[in-house]
Amino acid sequence: QVQLVESGGGLVQPGGSLRLSCAASGLTFSAYGMSWVRQVPGQGLEWVSDINEAGEITDSADSVKGRFTISRDNALDTLYLQMNDRKPEDRAMYYCLKRGANETSPYWGQGTQVTVSS
């Protein structure tokens, strides 16, 4: 059974840092590119960042470039998102997923909420 379980969300002050984790099980984690996306209630999904299978190639949305860093540890089957210099507009539910997976597929996590205090 495929499971992607996010953790690390919470409340942070503007300018603060937070690291999200996504623990994968039930799949050959190292065989897949992975992504982070986010969603604000009432709004659509926003792609945040991608990483390839080996963790050598990454890409991020302009809105987070230079502030967020995606990484992975294939030995631990875990994906990360280091979030620095947080801004109020970063408040959202953050999801990890197998890159390209459909939202209704099991290759999406349940999400972790990130809130930025004003």
PDB file of N, CA and C in Angstrom:
ATOM      1  N   GLN A   1       0.845  -1.182   0.000  1.00  0.00           N
ATOM      2  CA  GLN A   1       0.000   0.000   0.000  1.00  0.00           C
ATOM      3  C   GLN A   1       0.889   1.243   0.000  1.00  0.00           C
ATOM      4  N   VAL A   2       0.669   2.106  -0.976  1.00  0.00           N
ATOM      5  CA  VAL A   2       1.448   3.324  -1.084  1.00  0.00           C
ATOM      6  C   VAL A   2       0.998   4.322  -0.029  1.00  0.00           C
ATOM      7  N   GLN A   3       1.981   4.923   0.646  1.00  0.00           N
ATOM      8  CA  GLN A   3       1.685   5.977   1.604  1.00  0.00           C
ATOM      9  C   GLN A   3       2.724   7.075   1.501  1.00  0.00           C
ATOM     10  N   LEU A   4       2.240   8.300   1.459  1.00  0.00           N
ATOM     11  CA  LEU A   4       3.081   9.480   1.552  1.00  0.00           C
ATOM     12  C   LEU A   4       2.548  10.282   2.725  1.00  0.00           C
ATOM     13  N   VAL A   5       3.380  10.461   3.731  1.00  0.00           N
ATOM     14  CA  VAL A   5       2.934  11.104   4.967  1.00  0.00           C
ATOM     15  C   VAL A   5       3.777  12.346   5.234  1.00  0.00           C
ATOM     16  N   GLU A   6       3.140  13.504   5.122  1.00  0.00           N
ATOM     17  CA  GLU A   6       3.829  14.764   5.376  1.00  0.00           C
ATOM     18  C   GLU A   6       3.832  15.088   6.866  1.00  0.00           C
ATOM     19  N   SER A   7       4.841  15.837   7.271  1.00  0.00           N
ATOM     20  CA  SER A   7       4.918  16.321   8.643  1.00  0.00           C
ATOM     21  C   SER A   7       5.765  17.584   8.659  1.00  0.00           C
ATOM     22  N   GLY A   8       5.738  18.273   9.783  1.00  0.00           N
ATOM     23  CA  GLY A   8       6.587  19.444   9.952  1.00  0.00           C
ATOM     24  C   GLY A   8       5.880  20.769   9.806  1.00  0.00           C
ATOM     25  N   GLY A   9       4.614  20.739   9.447  1.00  0.00           N
ATOM     26  CA  GLY A   9       3.876  21.984   9.326  1.00  0.00           C
ATOM     27  C   GLY A   9       3.632  22.621  10.684  1.00  0.00           C
ATOM     28  N   GLY A  10       3.186  23.866  10.659  1.00  0.00           N
ATOM     29  CA  GLY A  10       2.898  24.568  11.904  1.00  0.00           C
ATOM     30  C   GLY A  10       2.867  26.057  11.695  1.00  0.00           C
ATOM     31  N   LEU A  11       2.973  26.764  12.789  1.00  0.00           N
ATOM     32  CA  LEU A  11       2.914  28.217  12.784  1.00  0.00           C
ATOM     33  C   LEU A  11       4.330  28.776  12.832  1.00  0.00           C
ATOM     34  N   VAL A  12       4.593  29.717  11.973  1.00  0.00           N
ATOM     35  CA  VAL A  12       5.907  30.351  11.963  1.00  0.00           C
ATOM     36  C   VAL A  12       5.720  31.835  11.727  1.00  0.00           C
ATOM     37  N   GLN A  13       6.602  32.628  12.270  1.00  0.00           N
ATOM     38  CA  GLN A  13       6.544  34.065  12.068  1.00  0.00           C
ATOM     39  C   GLN A  13       7.129  34.430  10.717  1.00  0.00           C
ATOM     40  N   PRO A  14       6.722  35.544  10.151  1.00  0.00           N
ATOM     41  CA  PRO A  14       7.320  35.987   8.892  1.00  0.00           C
ATOM     42  C   PRO A  14       8.833  36.061   9.009  1.00  0.00           C
ATOM     43  N   GLY A  15       9.501  35.561   8.000  1.00  0.00           N
ATOM     44  CA  GLY A  15      10.954  35.524   8.017  1.00  0.00           C
ATOM     45  C   GLY A  15      11.527  34.286   8.655  1.00  0.00           C
ATOM     46  N   GLY A  16      10.669  33.497   9.308  1.00  0.00           N
ATOM     47  CA  GLY A  16      11.133  32.298   9.986  1.00  0.00           C
ATOM     48  C   GLY A  16      11.336  31.133   9.030  1.00  0.00           C
ATOM     49  N   SER A  17      11.807  30.028   9.580  1.00  0.00           N
ATOM     50  CA  SER A  17      12.109  28.836   8.791  1.00  0.00           C
ATOM     51  C   SER A  17      11.316  27.640   9.287  1.00  0.00           C
ATOM     52  N   LEU A  18      11.118  26.702   8.370  1.00  0.00           N
ATOM     53  CA  LEU A  18      10.389  25.476   8.688  1.00  0.00           C
ATOM     54  C   LEU A  18      10.855  24.422   7.700  1.00  0.00           C
ATOM     55  N   ARG A  19      10.935  23.188   8.137  1.00  0.00           N
ATOM     56  CA  ARG A  19      11.267  22.106   7.211  1.00  0.00           C
ATOM     57  C   ARG A  19      10.141  21.091   7.206  1.00  0.00           C
ATOM     58  N   LEU A  20       9.594  20.858   6.038  1.00  0.00           N
ATOM     59  CA  LEU A  20       8.583  19.836   5.862  1.00  0.00           C
ATOM     60  C   LEU A  20       9.257  18.532   5.457  1.00  0.00           C
ATOM     61  N   SER A  21       8.683  17.434   5.912  1.00  0.00           N
ATOM     62  CA  SER A  21       9.149  16.108   5.527  1.00  0.00           C
ATOM     63  C   SER A  21       7.998  15.318   4.933  1.00  0.00           C
ATOM     64  N   CYS A  22       8.342  14.368   4.080  1.00  0.00           N
ATOM     65  CA  CYS A  22       7.353  13.479   3.487  1.00  0.00           C
ATOM     66  C   CYS A  22       7.948  12.075   3.481  1.00  0.00           C
ATOM     67  N   ALA A  23       7.426  11.230   4.337  1.00  0.00           N
ATOM     68  CA  ALA A  23       7.917   9.856   4.443  1.00  0.00           C
ATOM     69  C   ALA A  23       7.134   8.963   3.494  1.00  0.00           C
ATOM     70  N   ALA A  24       7.847   8.261   2.640  1.00  0.00           N
ATOM     71  CA  ALA A  24       7.213   7.403   1.640  1.00  0.00           C
ATOM     72  C   ALA A  24       7.346   5.941   2.021  1.00  0.00           C
ATOM     73  N   SER A  25       6.320   5.169   1.712  1.00  0.00           N
ATOM     74  CA  SER A  25       6.353   3.727   1.901  1.00  0.00           C
ATOM     75  C   SER A  25       5.471   3.074   0.851  1.00  0.00           C
ATOM     76  N   GLY A  26       5.739   1.802   0.590  1.00  0.00           N
ATOM     77  CA  GLY A  26       4.929   1.067  -0.373  1.00  0.00           C
ATOM     78  C   GLY A  26       5.244   1.349  -1.824  1.00  0.00           C
ATOM     79  N   LEU A  27       6.324   2.068  -2.074  1.00  0.00           N
ATOM     80  CA  LEU A  27       6.751   2.337  -3.442  1.00  0.00           C
ATOM     81  C   LEU A  27       8.270   2.394  -3.472  1.00  0.00           C
ATOM     82  N   THR A  28       8.829   2.218  -4.646  1.00  0.00           N
ATOM     83  CA  THR A  28      10.276   2.330  -4.812  1.00  0.00           C
ATOM     84  C   THR A  28      10.592   3.813  -4.954  1.00  0.00           C
ATOM     85  N   PHE A  29      10.800   4.438  -3.815  1.00  0.00           N
ATOM     86  CA  PHE A  29      10.904   5.902  -3.740  1.00  0.00           C
ATOM     87  C   PHE A  29      11.968   6.436  -4.693  1.00  0.00           C
ATOM     88  N   SER A  30      13.101   5.787  -4.743  1.00  0.00           N
ATOM     89  CA  SER A  30      14.225   6.282  -5.540  1.00  0.00           C
ATOM     90  C   SER A  30      13.975   6.217  -7.043  1.00  0.00           C
ATOM     91  N   ALA A  31      12.898   5.583  -7.449  1.00  0.00           N
ATOM     92  CA  ALA A  31      12.607   5.440  -8.876  1.00  0.00           C
ATOM     93  C   ALA A  31      11.760   6.580  -9.429  1.00  0.00           C
ATOM     94  N   TYR A  32      11.336   7.484  -8.560  1.00  0.00           N
ATOM     95  CA  TYR A  32      10.387   8.506  -8.991  1.00  0.00           C
ATOM     96  C   TYR A  32      10.862   9.919  -8.696  1.00  0.00           C
ATOM     97  N   GLY A  33      10.595  10.812  -9.654  1.00  0.00           N
ATOM     98  CA  GLY A  33      10.684  12.215  -9.338  1.00  0.00           C
ATOM     99  C   GLY A  33       9.551  12.573  -8.388  1.00  0.00           C
ATOM    100  N   MET A  34       9.783  13.579  -7.564  1.00  0.00           N
ATOM    101  CA  MET A  34       8.797  13.966  -6.558  1.00  0.00           C
ATOM    102  C   MET A  34       8.537  15.463  -6.635  1.00  0.00           C
ATOM    103  N   SER A  35       7.410  15.853  -6.076  1.00  0.00           N
ATOM    104  CA  SER A  35       7.011  17.259  -6.133  1.00  0.00           C
ATOM    105  C   SER A  35       6.381  17.689  -4.810  1.00  0.00           C
ATOM    106  N   TRP A  36       6.407  18.973  -4.599  1.00  0.00           N
ATOM    107  CA  TRP A  36       5.592  19.621  -3.576  1.00  0.00           C
ATOM    108  C   TRP A  36       4.637  20.589  -4.283  1.00  0.00           C
ATOM    109  N   VAL A  37       3.392  20.584  -3.832  1.00  0.00           N
ATOM    110  CA  VAL A  37       2.426  21.572  -4.282  1.00  0.00           C
ATOM    111  C   VAL A  37       1.743  22.122  -3.038  1.00  0.00           C
ATOM    112  N   ARG A  38       1.046  23.238  -3.193  1.00  0.00           N
ATOM    113  CA  ARG A  38       0.336  23.818  -2.054  1.00  0.00           C
ATOM    114  C   ARG A  38      -1.021  24.346  -2.502  1.00  0.00           C
ATOM    115  N   GLN A  39      -1.887  24.496  -1.519  1.00  0.00           N
ATOM    116  CA  GLN A  39      -3.230  24.984  -1.814  1.00  0.00           C
ATOM    117  C   GLN A  39      -3.746  25.832  -0.667  1.00  0.00           C
ATOM    118  N   VAL A  40      -4.193  27.014  -1.008  1.00  0.00           N
ATOM    119  CA  VAL A  40      -4.880  27.886  -0.069  1.00  0.00           C
ATOM    120  C   VAL A  40      -6.373  27.587  -0.181  1.00  0.00           C
ATOM    121  N   PRO A  41      -7.099  27.534   0.941  1.00  0.00           N
ATOM    122  CA  PRO A  41      -8.535  27.257   0.872  1.00  0.00           C
ATOM    123  C   PRO A  41      -9.245  28.181  -0.102  1.00  0.00           C
ATOM    124  N   GLY A  42     -10.048  27.594  -0.978  1.00  0.00           N
ATOM    125  CA  GLY A  42     -10.802  28.371  -1.941  1.00  0.00           C
ATOM    126  C   GLY A  42     -10.023  28.708  -3.195  1.00  0.00           C
ATOM    127  N   GLN A  43      -8.765  28.306  -3.254  1.00  0.00           N
ATOM    128  CA  GLN A  43      -7.953  28.578  -4.430  1.00  0.00           C
ATOM    129  C   GLN A  43      -7.446  27.268  -5.029  1.00  0.00           C
ATOM    130  N   GLY A  44      -6.900  27.346  -6.210  1.00  0.00           N
ATOM    131  CA  GLY A  44      -6.390  26.166  -6.884  1.00  0.00           C
ATOM    132  C   GLY A  44      -5.049  25.723  -6.353  1.00  0.00           C
ATOM    133  N   LEU A  45      -4.608  24.600  -6.846  1.00  0.00           N
ATOM    134  CA  LEU A  45      -3.300  24.078  -6.474  1.00  0.00           C
ATOM    135  C   LEU A  45      -2.205  24.901  -7.126  1.00  0.00           C
ATOM    136  N   GLU A  46      -1.132  25.114  -6.384  1.00  0.00           N
ATOM    137  CA  GLU A  46       0.029  25.820  -6.905  1.00  0.00           C
ATOM    138  C   GLU A  46       1.238  24.908  -6.796  1.00  0.00           C
ATOM    139  N   TRP A  47       1.885  24.665  -7.905  1.00  0.00           N
ATOM    140  CA  TRP A  47       3.113  23.888  -7.896  1.00  0.00           C
ATOM    141  C   TRP A  47       4.197  24.675  -7.176  1.00  0.00           C
ATOM    142  N   VAL A  48       4.969  23.980  -6.341  1.00  0.00           N
ATOM    143  CA  VAL A  48       6.018  24.626  -5.570  1.00  0.00           C
ATOM    144  C   VAL A  48       7.403  24.218  -6.061  1.00  0.00           C
ATOM    145  N   SER A  49       7.649  22.912  -6.113  1.00  0.00           N
ATOM    146  CA  SER A  49       9.003  22.477  -6.447  1.00  0.00           C
ATOM    147  C   SER A  49       9.017  21.022  -6.890  1.00  0.00           C
ATOM    148  N   ASP A  50      10.013  20.694  -7.723  1.00  0.00           N
ATOM    149  CA  ASP A  50      10.240  19.331  -8.223  1.00  0.00           C
ATOM    150  C   ASP A  50      11.658  18.899  -7.927  1.00  0.00           C
ATOM    151  N   ILE A  51      11.843  17.593  -7.855  1.00  0.00           N
ATOM    152  CA  ILE A  51      13.181  17.028  -7.751  1.00  0.00           C
ATOM    153  C   ILE A  51      13.214  15.717  -8.514  1.00  0.00           C
ATOM    154  N   ASN A  52      14.333  15.446  -9.171  1.00  0.00           N
ATOM    155  CA  ASN A  52      14.388  14.210  -9.956  1.00  0.00           C
ATOM    156  C   ASN A  52      14.711  13.015  -9.055  1.00  0.00           C
ATOM    157  N   GLU A  53      14.799  11.853  -9.657  1.00  0.00           N
ATOM    158  CA  GLU A  53      14.915  10.606  -8.894  1.00  0.00           C
ATOM    159  C   GLU A  53      16.158  10.580  -8.017  1.00  0.00           C
ATOM    160  N   ALA A  54      17.257  11.061  -8.537  1.00  0.00           N
ATOM    161  CA  ALA A  54      18.513  10.994  -7.783  1.00  0.00           C
ATOM    162  C   ALA A  54      18.742  12.220  -6.906  1.00  0.00           C
ATOM    163  N   GLY A  55      17.881  13.209  -7.035  1.00  0.00           N
ATOM    164  CA  GLY A  55      18.048  14.419  -6.237  1.00  0.00           C
ATOM    165  C   GLY A  55      19.037  15.394  -6.802  1.00  0.00           C
ATOM    166  N   GLU A  56      19.415  15.212  -8.059  1.00  0.00           N
ATOM    167  CA  GLU A  56      20.447  16.066  -8.666  1.00  0.00           C
ATOM    168  C   GLU A  56      19.866  17.275  -9.371  1.00  0.00           C
ATOM    169  N   ILE A  57      18.633  17.163  -9.790  1.00  0.00           N
ATOM    170  CA  ILE A  57      17.997  18.224 -10.573  1.00  0.00           C
ATOM    171  C   ILE A  57      16.741  18.685  -9.854  1.00  0.00           C
ATOM    172  N   THR A  58      16.667  19.984  -9.603  1.00  0.00           N
ATOM    173  CA  THR A  58      15.505  20.549  -8.937  1.00  0.00           C
ATOM    174  C   THR A  58      14.993  21.749  -9.719  1.00  0.00           C
ATOM    175  N   ASP A  59      13.764  22.096  -9.443  1.00  0.00           N
ATOM    176  CA  ASP A  59      13.160  23.273 -10.044  1.00  0.00           C
ATOM    177  C   ASP A  59      12.114  23.790  -9.067  1.00  0.00           C
ATOM    178  N   SER A  60      11.933  25.093  -9.052  1.00  0.00           N
ATOM    179  CA  SER A  60      10.983  25.690  -8.122  1.00  0.00           C
ATOM    180  C   SER A  60      10.227  26.823  -8.791  1.00  0.00           C
ATOM    181  N   ALA A  61       9.057  27.091  -8.265  1.00  0.00           N
ATOM    182  CA  ALA A  61       8.262  28.217  -8.745  1.00  0.00           C
ATOM    183  C   ALA A  61       8.968  29.525  -8.421  1.00  0.00           C
ATOM    184  N   ASP A  62       8.746  30.511  -9.246  1.00  0.00           N
ATOM    185  CA  ASP A  62       9.377  31.810  -9.018  1.00  0.00           C
ATOM    186  C   ASP A  62       9.005  32.387  -7.654  1.00  0.00           C
ATOM    187  N   SER A  63       7.806  32.077  -7.200  1.00  0.00           N
ATOM    188  CA  SER A  63       7.327  32.638  -5.935  1.00  0.00           C
ATOM    189  C   SER A  63       8.116  32.149  -4.728  1.00  0.00           C
ATOM    190  N   VAL A  64       8.818  31.029  -4.870  1.00  0.00           N
ATOM    191  CA  VAL A  64       9.576  30.481  -3.744  1.00  0.00           C
ATOM    192  C   VAL A  64      11.052  30.344  -4.043  1.00  0.00           C
ATOM    193  N   LYS A  65      11.442  30.612  -5.262  1.00  0.00           N
ATOM    194  CA  LYS A  65      12.844  30.436  -5.653  1.00  0.00           C
ATOM    195  C   LYS A  65      13.742  31.319  -4.791  1.00  0.00           C
ATOM    196  N   GLY A  66      14.811  30.718  -4.303  1.00  0.00           N
ATOM    197  CA  GLY A  66      15.730  31.437  -3.431  1.00  0.00           C
ATOM    198  C   GLY A  66      15.341  31.385  -1.972  1.00  0.00           C
ATOM    199  N   ARG A  67      14.135  30.917  -1.675  1.00  0.00           N
ATOM    200  CA  ARG A  67      13.679  30.822  -0.275  1.00  0.00           C
ATOM    201  C   ARG A  67      13.422  29.380   0.133  1.00  0.00           C
ATOM    202  N   PHE A  68      12.887  28.577  -0.764  1.00  0.00           N
ATOM    203  CA  PHE A  68      12.570  27.174  -0.475  1.00  0.00           C
ATOM    204  C   PHE A  68      13.570  26.270  -1.186  1.00  0.00           C
ATOM    205  N   THR A  69      13.914  25.172  -0.549  1.00  0.00           N
ATOM    206  CA  THR A  69      14.812  24.195  -1.140  1.00  0.00           C
ATOM    207  C   THR A  69      14.230  22.800  -1.000  1.00  0.00           C
ATOM    208  N   ILE A  70      14.078  22.128  -2.118  1.00  0.00           N
ATOM    209  CA  ILE A  70      13.606  20.746  -2.104  1.00  0.00           C
ATOM    210  C   ILE A  70      14.807  19.811  -2.091  1.00  0.00           C
ATOM    211  N   SER A  71      14.694  18.720  -1.353  1.00  0.00           N
ATOM    212  CA  SER A  71      15.755  17.724  -1.318  1.00  0.00           C
ATOM    213  C   SER A  71      15.139  16.374  -0.978  1.00  0.00           C
ATOM    214  N   ARG A  72      15.961  15.355  -1.047  1.00  0.00           N
ATOM    215  CA  ARG A  72      15.461  14.019  -0.743  1.00  0.00           C
ATOM    216  C   ARG A  72      16.591  13.160  -0.199  1.00  0.00           C
ATOM    217  N   ASP A  73      16.220  12.158   0.571  1.00  0.00           N
ATOM    218  CA  ASP A  73      17.154  11.166   1.077  1.00  0.00           C
ATOM    219  C   ASP A  73      16.590   9.807   0.668  1.00  0.00           C
ATOM    220  N   ASN A  74      17.128   9.242  -0.385  1.00  0.00           N
ATOM    221  CA  ASN A  74      16.592   7.976  -0.886  1.00  0.00           C
ATOM    222  C   ASN A  74      16.881   6.809   0.049  1.00  0.00           C
ATOM    223  N   ALA A  75      17.883   6.935   0.876  1.00  0.00           N
ATOM    224  CA  ALA A  75      18.160   5.880   1.863  1.00  0.00           C
ATOM    225  C   ALA A  75      17.076   5.846   2.935  1.00  0.00           C
ATOM    226  N   LEU A  76      16.455   6.984   3.174  1.00  0.00           N
ATOM    227  CA  LEU A  76      15.397   7.069   4.183  1.00  0.00           C
ATOM    228  C   LEU A  76      14.005   7.152   3.563  1.00  0.00           C
ATOM    229  N   ASP A  77      13.936   7.135   2.225  1.00  0.00           N
ATOM    230  CA  ASP A  77      12.643   7.246   1.530  1.00  0.00           C
ATOM    231  C   ASP A  77      11.881   8.486   1.987  1.00  0.00           C
ATOM    232  N   THR A  78      12.584   9.596   2.036  1.00  0.00           N
ATOM    233  CA  THR A  78      11.991  10.820   2.564  1.00  0.00           C
ATOM    234  C   THR A  78      12.294  12.005   1.663  1.00  0.00           C
ATOM    235  N   LEU A  79      11.278  12.815   1.467  1.00  0.00           N
ATOM    236  CA  LEU A  79      11.371  14.060   0.704  1.00  0.00           C
ATOM    237  C   LEU A  79      11.282  15.216   1.687  1.00  0.00           C
ATOM    238  N   TYR A  80      11.991  16.300   1.378  1.00  0.00           N
ATOM    239  CA  TYR A  80      12.014  17.454   2.269  1.00  0.00           C
ATOM    240  C   TYR A  80      11.692  18.736   1.499  1.00  0.00           C
ATOM    241  N   LEU A  81      11.234  19.716   2.251  1.00  0.00           N
ATOM    242  CA  LEU A  81      11.102  21.078   1.732  1.00  0.00           C
ATOM    243  C   LEU A  81      11.542  22.024   2.833  1.00  0.00           C
ATOM    244  N   GLN A  82      12.703  22.613   2.644  1.00  0.00           N
ATOM    245  CA  GLN A  82      13.211  23.612   3.578  1.00  0.00           C
ATOM    246  C   GLN A  82      12.636  24.957   3.175  1.00  0.00           C
ATOM    247  N   MET A  83      11.947  25.578   4.093  1.00  0.00           N
ATOM    248  CA  MET A  83      11.260  26.835   3.813  1.00  0.00           C
ATOM    249  C   MET A  83      11.884  27.929   4.664  1.00  0.00           C
ATOM    250  N   ASN A  84      12.562  28.850   4.029  1.00  0.00           N
ATOM    251  CA  ASN A  84      13.194  29.974   4.731  1.00  0.00           C
ATOM    252  C   ASN A  84      12.502  31.275   4.338  1.00  0.00           C
ATOM    253  N   ASP A  85      12.739  32.295   5.142  1.00  0.00           N
ATOM    254  CA  ASP A  85      12.214  33.618   4.843  1.00  0.00           C
ATOM    255  C   ASP A  85      10.724  33.550   4.493  1.00  0.00           C
ATOM    256  N   ARG A  86       9.968  32.949   5.401  1.00  0.00           N
ATOM    257  CA  ARG A  86       8.564  32.737   5.146  1.00  0.00           C
ATOM    258  C   ARG A  86       7.829  34.057   5.010  1.00  0.00           C
ATOM    259  N   LYS A  87       6.827  34.059   4.126  1.00  0.00           N
ATOM    260  CA  LYS A  87       5.985  35.198   3.899  1.00  0.00           C
ATOM    261  C   LYS A  87       4.537  34.823   4.177  1.00  0.00           C
ATOM    262  N   PRO A  88       3.695  35.801   4.484  1.00  0.00           N
ATOM    263  CA  PRO A  88       2.290  35.490   4.756  1.00  0.00           C
ATOM    264  C   PRO A  88       1.612  34.725   3.623  1.00  0.00           C
ATOM    265  N   GLU A  89       2.005  35.003   2.394  1.00  0.00           N
ATOM    266  CA  GLU A  89       1.384  34.316   1.260  1.00  0.00           C
ATOM    267  C   GLU A  89       1.802  32.859   1.132  1.00  0.00           C
ATOM    268  N   ASP A  90       2.741  32.412   1.973  1.00  0.00           N
ATOM    269  CA  ASP A  90       3.125  30.998   1.982  1.00  0.00           C
ATOM    270  C   ASP A  90       2.168  30.151   2.799  1.00  0.00           C
ATOM    271  N   ARG A  91       1.236  30.794   3.457  1.00  0.00           N
ATOM    272  CA  ARG A  91       0.257  30.032   4.246  1.00  0.00           C
ATOM    273  C   ARG A  91      -0.578  29.175   3.324  1.00  0.00           C
ATOM    274  N   ALA A  92      -0.559  27.855   3.556  1.00  0.00           N
ATOM    275  CA  ALA A  92      -1.274  26.919   2.688  1.00  0.00           C
ATOM    276  C   ALA A  92      -1.170  25.513   3.254  1.00  0.00           C
ATOM    277  N   MET A  93      -1.924  24.617   2.644  1.00  0.00           N
ATOM    278  CA  MET A  93      -1.737  23.196   2.897  1.00  0.00           C
ATOM    279  C   MET A  93      -0.710  22.707   1.880  1.00  0.00           C
ATOM    280  N   TYR A  94       0.309  22.029   2.354  1.00  0.00           N
ATOM    281  CA  TYR A  94       1.382  21.553   1.499  1.00  0.00           C
ATOM    282  C   TYR A  94       1.271  20.036   1.328  1.00  0.00           C
ATOM    283  N   TYR A  95       1.369  19.625   0.076  1.00  0.00           N
ATOM    284  CA  TYR A  95       1.259  18.209  -0.271  1.00  0.00           C
ATOM    285  C   TYR A  95       2.520  17.738  -0.977  1.00  0.00           C
ATOM    286  N   CYS A  96       2.950  16.527  -0.665  1.00  0.00           N
ATOM    287  CA  CYS A  96       3.992  15.893  -1.468  1.00  0.00           C
ATOM    288  C   CYS A  96       3.328  14.847  -2.361  1.00  0.00           C
ATOM    289  N   LEU A  97       3.924  14.620  -3.510  1.00  0.00           N
ATOM    290  CA  LEU A  97       3.353  13.678  -4.468  1.00  0.00           C
ATOM    291  C   LEU A  97       4.426  13.155  -5.408  1.00  0.00           C
ATOM    292  N   LYS A  98       4.131  12.003  -5.962  1.00  0.00           N
ATOM    293  CA  LYS A  98       4.961  11.502  -7.042  1.00  0.00           C
ATOM    294  C   LYS A  98       4.743  12.438  -8.229  1.00  0.00           C
ATOM    295  N   ARG A  99       5.806  12.898  -8.834  1.00  0.00           N
ATOM    296  CA  ARG A  99       5.690  13.900  -9.880  1.00  0.00           C
ATOM    297  C   ARG A  99       4.750  13.428 -10.978  1.00  0.00           C
ATOM    298  N   GLY A 100       3.784  14.243 -11.293  1.00  0.00           N
ATOM    299  CA  GLY A 100       2.833  13.930 -12.340  1.00  0.00           C
ATOM    300  C   GLY A 100       1.634  13.129 -11.900  1.00  0.00           C
ATOM    301  N   ALA A 101       1.585  12.723 -10.651  1.00  0.00           N
ATOM    302  CA  ALA A 101       0.477  11.895 -10.182  1.00  0.00           C
ATOM    303  C   ALA A 101      -0.815  12.693 -10.135  1.00  0.00           C
ATOM    304  N   ASN A 102      -1.885  12.016 -10.444  1.00  0.00           N
ATOM    305  CA  ASN A 102      -3.212  12.622 -10.350  1.00  0.00           C
ATOM    306  C   ASN A 102      -3.593  12.819  -8.893  1.00  0.00           C
ATOM    307  N   GLU A 103      -4.314  13.895  -8.626  1.00  0.00           N
ATOM    308  CA  GLU A 103      -4.669  14.249  -7.258  1.00  0.00           C
ATOM    309  C   GLU A 103      -5.437  13.145  -6.547  1.00  0.00           C
ATOM    310  N   THR A 104      -6.184  12.352  -7.298  1.00  0.00           N
ATOM    311  CA  THR A 104      -6.992  11.300  -6.684  1.00  0.00           C
ATOM    312  C   THR A 104      -6.228   9.989  -6.532  1.00  0.00           C
ATOM    313  N   SER A 105      -4.996   9.956  -6.962  1.00  0.00           N
ATOM    314  CA  SER A 105      -4.225   8.711  -6.885  1.00  0.00           C
ATOM    315  C   SER A 105      -3.649   8.549  -5.492  1.00  0.00           C
ATOM    316  N   PRO A 106      -3.188   7.350  -5.167  1.00  0.00           N
ATOM    317  CA  PRO A 106      -2.583   7.136  -3.850  1.00  0.00           C
ATOM    318  C   PRO A 106      -1.194   7.759  -3.724  1.00  0.00           C
ATOM    319  N   TYR A 107      -0.693   8.358  -4.805  1.00  0.00           N
ATOM    320  CA  TYR A 107       0.640   8.927  -4.773  1.00  0.00           C
ATOM    321  C   TYR A 107       0.645  10.392  -4.342  1.00  0.00           C
ATOM    322  N   TRP A 108      -0.333  10.760  -3.551  1.00  0.00           N
ATOM    323  CA  TRP A 108      -0.419  12.071  -2.919  1.00  0.00           C
ATOM    324  C   TRP A 108      -0.470  11.856  -1.409  1.00  0.00           C
ATOM    325  N   GLY A 109       0.178  12.753  -0.660  1.00  0.00           N
ATOM    326  CA  GLY A 109       0.051  12.709   0.773  1.00  0.00           C
ATOM    327  C   GLY A 109      -1.237  13.381   1.225  1.00  0.00           C
ATOM    328  N   GLN A 110      -1.449  13.353   2.537  1.00  0.00           N
ATOM    329  CA  GLN A 110      -2.674  13.943   3.086  1.00  0.00           C
ATOM    330  C   GLN A 110      -2.512  15.438   3.356  1.00  0.00           C
ATOM    331  N   GLY A 111      -1.287  15.922   3.290  1.00  0.00           N
ATOM    332  CA  GLY A 111      -1.037  17.344   3.457  1.00  0.00           C
ATOM    333  C   GLY A 111      -0.629  17.721   4.866  1.00  0.00           C
ATOM    334  N   THR A 112       0.110  18.816   4.963  1.00  0.00           N
ATOM    335  CA  THR A 112       0.473  19.384   6.249  1.00  0.00           C
ATOM    336  C   THR A 112       0.255  20.887   6.160  1.00  0.00           C
ATOM    337  N   GLN A 113      -0.371  21.457   7.177  1.00  0.00           N
ATOM    338  CA  GLN A 113      -0.766  22.862   7.155  1.00  0.00           C
ATOM    339  C   GLN A 113       0.379  23.747   7.631  1.00  0.00           C
ATOM    340  N   VAL A 114       0.627  24.781   6.873  1.00  0.00           N
ATOM    341  CA  VAL A 114       1.631  25.772   7.250  1.00  0.00           C
ATOM    342  C   VAL A 114       0.942  27.117   7.389  1.00  0.00           C
ATOM    343  N   THR A 115       1.175  27.747   8.509  1.00  0.00           N
ATOM    344  CA  THR A 115       0.568  29.049   8.784  1.00  0.00           C
ATOM    345  C   THR A 115       1.668  30.045   9.117  1.00  0.00           C
ATOM    346  N   VAL A 116       1.543  31.216   8.574  1.00  0.00           N
ATOM    347  CA  VAL A 116       2.506  32.276   8.845  1.00  0.00           C
ATOM    348  C   VAL A 116       1.776  33.362   9.622  1.00  0.00           C
ATOM    349  N   SER A 117       2.237  33.638  10.802  1.00  0.00           N
ATOM    350  CA  SER A 117       1.589  34.638  11.644  1.00  0.00           C
ATOM    351  C   SER A 117       1.852  36.027  11.090  1.00  0.00           C
ATOM    352  N   SER A 118       0.934  36.909  11.343  1.00  0.00           N
ATOM    353  CA  SER A 118       1.087  38.290  10.842  1.00  0.00           C
ATOM    354  C   SER A 118       1.672  39.179  11.915  1.00  0.00           C
TER     355      SER A 118
END
